[in-house]
Amino acid sequence: QVQLVESGGGLVQAGESLRLSCTASGSIFSINSMGWFRQDPENQRELVAGMISGGMPNYADSVKGRFTISRDNAKNTVYLQMNSLKPEDTAVYYCNAVITTEQGLTYGIWGQGTQVTVSS
C-alpha cells in the first residue's frame, strides 16, 4: 500500500514563509508526478504547483514568483517552499502523486492535508 505523509503547515503572518514536505512510502516502482493542491471552504480544490518526472514545474498564476516546488527523488519527497505568504493563501494544502507500484498498477493518491493559515 502506498501513502503520502505531509508536514510543515502552520500559522504565520503575512510576508512570512513556510515549507511543506510530502513523502511517499510503500510499494513504489516509480513516481510519475507529484504536486500540491489547496482548498478553502469557499472554493474547489485547485492546483498550486506540480512536477512531472523529468519535466519543468508548473505553477498557479497566483503563486508564481512566491512559491517553489522541488523534489528529492532519492527520498520520494516533494517540497513546497512558500515565501511572501498572503492571507489569501490560507487553505488546506494537499499533496498529490501519480505512482506506479511494484505490481505494475498506476494510480493517483492524496495526502491527508495540512492546514496553512496566514494572518494579516
C-alpha atoms as a PDB file:
ATOM      1  CA  GLN A   1       0.000   0.000   0.000  1.00  0.00           C
ATOM      2  CA  VAL A   2       1.276   3.439  -0.922  1.00  0.00           C
ATOM      3  CA  GLN A   3       0.689   6.501   1.198  1.00  0.00           C
ATOM      4  CA  LEU A   4       1.651  10.162   1.289  1.00  0.00           C
ATOM      5  CA  VAL A   5       2.542  11.878   4.534  1.00  0.00           C
ATOM      6  CA  GLU A   6       2.613  15.662   4.665  1.00  0.00           C
ATOM      7  CA  SER A   7       4.127  18.055   7.165  1.00  0.00           C
ATOM      8  CA  GLY A   8       5.029  21.686   7.558  1.00  0.00           C
ATOM      9  CA  GLY A   9       1.761  23.575   7.768  1.00  0.00           C
ATOM     10  CA  GLY A  10       1.032  26.139  10.424  1.00  0.00           C
ATOM     11  CA  LEU A  11       0.041  29.675  11.331  1.00  0.00           C
ATOM     12  CA  VAL A  12       2.189  32.549  10.085  1.00  0.00           C
ATOM     13  CA  GLN A  13       1.846  36.267   9.497  1.00  0.00           C
ATOM     14  CA  ALA A  14       1.606  37.822   6.081  1.00  0.00           C
ATOM     15  CA  GLY A  15       5.005  38.111   4.431  1.00  0.00           C
ATOM     16  CA  GLU A  16       6.469  35.125   6.236  1.00  0.00           C
ATOM     17  CA  SER A  17       7.464  31.744   4.827  1.00  0.00           C
ATOM     18  CA  LEU A  18       6.621  28.093   5.264  1.00  0.00           C
ATOM     19  CA  ARG A  19       7.926  24.899   3.718  1.00  0.00           C
ATOM     20  CA  LEU A  20       5.674  21.917   3.175  1.00  0.00           C
ATOM     21  CA  SER A  21       7.000  18.395   2.746  1.00  0.00           C
ATOM     22  CA  CYS A  22       5.336  15.286   1.385  1.00  0.00           C
ATOM     23  CA  THR A  23       6.906  11.838   1.408  1.00  0.00           C
ATOM     24  CA  ALA A  24       5.618   8.816  -0.451  1.00  0.00           C
ATOM     25  CA  SER A  25       6.160   5.376   1.021  1.00  0.00           C
ATOM     26  CA  GLY A  26       5.158   1.820   0.260  1.00  0.00           C
ATOM     27  CA  SER A  27       5.415  -0.475  -2.729  1.00  0.00           C
ATOM     28  CA  ILE A  28       6.621   2.158  -5.204  1.00  0.00           C
ATOM     29  CA  PHE A  29       8.222   1.375  -8.526  1.00  0.00           C
ATOM     30  CA  SER A  30       8.173   4.910  -9.856  1.00  0.00           C
ATOM     31  CA  ILE A  31       6.610   8.284  -9.181  1.00  0.00           C
ATOM     32  CA  ASN A  32       5.283   9.841 -12.360  1.00  0.00           C
ATOM     33  CA  SER A  33       4.332  13.198 -10.927  1.00  0.00           C
ATOM     34  CA  MET A  34       3.977  14.985  -7.627  1.00  0.00           C
ATOM     35  CA  GLY A  35       2.274  18.203  -6.786  1.00  0.00           C
ATOM     36  CA  TRP A  36       0.413  20.377  -4.354  1.00  0.00           C
ATOM     37  CA  PHE A  37      -3.224  21.430  -4.368  1.00  0.00           C
ATOM     38  CA  ARG A  38      -5.138  23.595  -1.951  1.00  0.00           C
ATOM     39  CA  GLN A  39      -8.713  24.066  -0.910  1.00  0.00           C
ATOM     40  CA  ASP A  40     -10.514  26.546   1.290  1.00  0.00           C
ATOM     41  CA  PRO A  41     -14.158  26.286   2.428  1.00  0.00           C
ATOM     42  CA  GLU A  42     -15.411  28.543  -0.357  1.00  0.00           C
ATOM     43  CA  ASN A  43     -13.590  27.140  -3.355  1.00  0.00           C
ATOM     44  CA  GLN A  44     -12.853  23.946  -5.182  1.00  0.00           C
ATOM     45  CA  ARG A  45      -9.510  22.231  -4.823  1.00  0.00           C
ATOM     46  CA  GLU A  46      -7.013  23.927  -7.104  1.00  0.00           C
ATOM     47  CA  LEU A  47      -3.553  23.129  -8.362  1.00  0.00           C
ATOM     48  CA  VAL A  48      -0.837  25.187  -6.689  1.00  0.00           C
ATOM     49  CA  ALA A  49       2.273  23.626  -8.197  1.00  0.00           C
ATOM     50  CA  GLY A  50       3.180  20.374  -9.891  1.00  0.00           C
ATOM     51  CA  MET A  51       6.088  18.482 -11.375  1.00  0.00           C
ATOM     52  CA  ILE A  52       6.052  15.635 -13.870  1.00  0.00           C
ATOM     53  CA  SER A  53       9.140  13.471 -13.553  1.00  0.00           C
ATOM     54  CA  GLY A  54      11.810  14.875 -15.838  1.00  0.00           C
ATOM     55  CA  GLY A  55       9.723  17.917 -16.633  1.00  0.00           C
ATOM     56  CA  MET A  56       9.576  21.541 -15.652  1.00  0.00           C
ATOM     57  CA  PRO A  57       7.436  22.654 -12.729  1.00  0.00           C
ATOM     58  CA  ASN A  58       4.203  24.494 -13.329  1.00  0.00           C
ATOM     59  CA  TYR A  59       2.512  26.951 -11.003  1.00  0.00           C
ATOM     60  CA  ALA A  60      -0.804  28.629 -10.499  1.00  0.00           C
ATOM     61  CA  ASP A  61      -0.621  32.259 -11.578  1.00  0.00           C
ATOM     62  CA  SER A  62      -1.452  33.359  -8.040  1.00  0.00           C
ATOM     63  CA  VAL A  63       1.737  31.844  -6.606  1.00  0.00           C
ATOM     64  CA  LYS A  64       4.261  32.399  -9.387  1.00  0.00           C
ATOM     65  CA  GLY A  65       7.366  34.111  -8.081  1.00  0.00           C
ATOM     66  CA  ARG A  66       6.496  33.305  -4.463  1.00  0.00           C
ATOM     67  CA  PHE A  67       6.260  29.507  -4.278  1.00  0.00           C
ATOM     68  CA  THR A  68       8.823  26.944  -5.410  1.00  0.00           C
ATOM     69  CA  ILE A  69       8.232  23.237  -5.823  1.00  0.00           C
ATOM     70  CA  SER A  70      11.121  20.801  -5.683  1.00  0.00           C
ATOM     71  CA  ARG A  71      11.654  17.067  -5.454  1.00  0.00           C
ATOM     72  CA  ASP A  72      14.159  14.778  -3.811  1.00  0.00           C
ATOM     73  CA  ASN A  73      13.778  11.617  -5.857  1.00  0.00           C
ATOM     74  CA  ALA A  74      16.028   9.591  -3.585  1.00  0.00           C
ATOM     75  CA  LYS A  75      13.652  10.300  -0.697  1.00  0.00           C
ATOM     76  CA  ASN A  76      10.409  10.151  -2.715  1.00  0.00           C
ATOM     77  CA  THR A  77       9.697  13.586  -1.320  1.00  0.00           C
ATOM     78  CA  VAL A  78       8.274  16.769  -2.766  1.00  0.00           C
ATOM     79  CA  TYR A  79       8.602  20.173  -1.129  1.00  0.00           C
ATOM     80  CA  LEU A  80       6.730  23.415  -1.477  1.00  0.00           C
ATOM     81  CA  GLN A  81       8.637  26.488  -0.371  1.00  0.00           C
ATOM     82  CA  MET A  82       6.145  29.279   0.188  1.00  0.00           C
ATOM     83  CA  ASN A  83       7.513  32.803   0.546  1.00  0.00           C
ATOM     84  CA  SER A  84       5.790  36.156   0.900  1.00  0.00           C
ATOM     85  CA  LEU A  85       2.652  34.457   2.116  1.00  0.00           C
ATOM     86  CA  LYS A  86      -0.632  36.307   1.849  1.00  0.00           C
ATOM     87  CA  PRO A  87      -3.908  35.849   3.751  1.00  0.00           C
ATOM     88  CA  GLU A  88      -5.468  34.544   0.540  1.00  0.00           C
ATOM     89  CA  ASP A  89      -3.017  31.620   0.649  1.00  0.00           C
ATOM     90  CA  THR A  90      -4.892  30.313   3.674  1.00  0.00           C
ATOM     91  CA  ALA A  91      -6.193  26.829   2.862  1.00  0.00           C
ATOM     92  CA  VAL A  92      -5.704  23.141   3.444  1.00  0.00           C
ATOM     93  CA  TYR A  93      -2.821  22.032   1.262  1.00  0.00           C
ATOM     94  CA  TYR A  94      -2.907  18.542  -0.200  1.00  0.00           C
ATOM     95  CA  CYS A  95      -0.077  16.579  -1.707  1.00  0.00           C
ATOM     96  CA  ASN A  96      -0.877  14.504  -4.781  1.00  0.00           C
ATOM     97  CA  ALA A  97       1.174  11.886  -6.568  1.00  0.00           C
ATOM     98  CA  VAL A  98       0.719   9.572  -9.534  1.00  0.00           C
ATOM     99  CA  ILE A  99       2.549   6.384  -8.706  1.00  0.00           C
ATOM    100  CA  THR A 100       3.334   3.105 -10.394  1.00  0.00           C
ATOM    101  CA  THR A 101       3.591   0.293  -7.892  1.00  0.00           C
ATOM    102  CA  GLU A 102       5.960  -2.635  -7.973  1.00  0.00           C
ATOM    103  CA  GLN A 103       2.972  -4.697  -9.079  1.00  0.00           C
ATOM    104  CA  GLY A 104       2.560  -2.511 -12.161  1.00  0.00           C
ATOM    105  CA  LEU A 105      -0.507  -0.537 -11.073  1.00  0.00           C
ATOM    106  CA  THR A 106      -0.615   3.193 -11.785  1.00  0.00           C
ATOM    107  CA  TYR A 107      -2.912   5.486  -9.854  1.00  0.00           C
ATOM    108  CA  GLY A 108      -3.156   8.825  -8.132  1.00  0.00           C
ATOM    109  CA  ILE A 109      -3.164   9.252  -4.373  1.00  0.00           C
ATOM    110  CA  TRP A 110      -3.704  12.126  -1.956  1.00  0.00           C
ATOM    111  CA  GLY A 111      -2.149  13.088   1.318  1.00  0.00           C
ATOM    112  CA  GLN A 112      -4.234  13.843   4.370  1.00  0.00           C
ATOM    113  CA  GLY A 113      -3.854  17.602   4.018  1.00  0.00           C
ATOM    114  CA  THR A 114      -2.074  20.188   6.115  1.00  0.00           C
ATOM    115  CA  GLN A 115      -3.540  23.499   7.219  1.00  0.00           C
ATOM    116  CA  VAL A 116      -1.796  26.729   6.258  1.00  0.00           C
ATOM    117  CA  THR A 117      -3.163  29.877   7.872  1.00  0.00           C
ATOM    118  CA  VAL A 118      -1.794  33.328   7.064  1.00  0.00           C
ATOM    119  CA  SER A 119      -2.870  36.198   9.277  1.00  0.00           C
ATOM    120  CA  SER A 120      -2.889  39.806   8.127  1.00  0.00           C
END
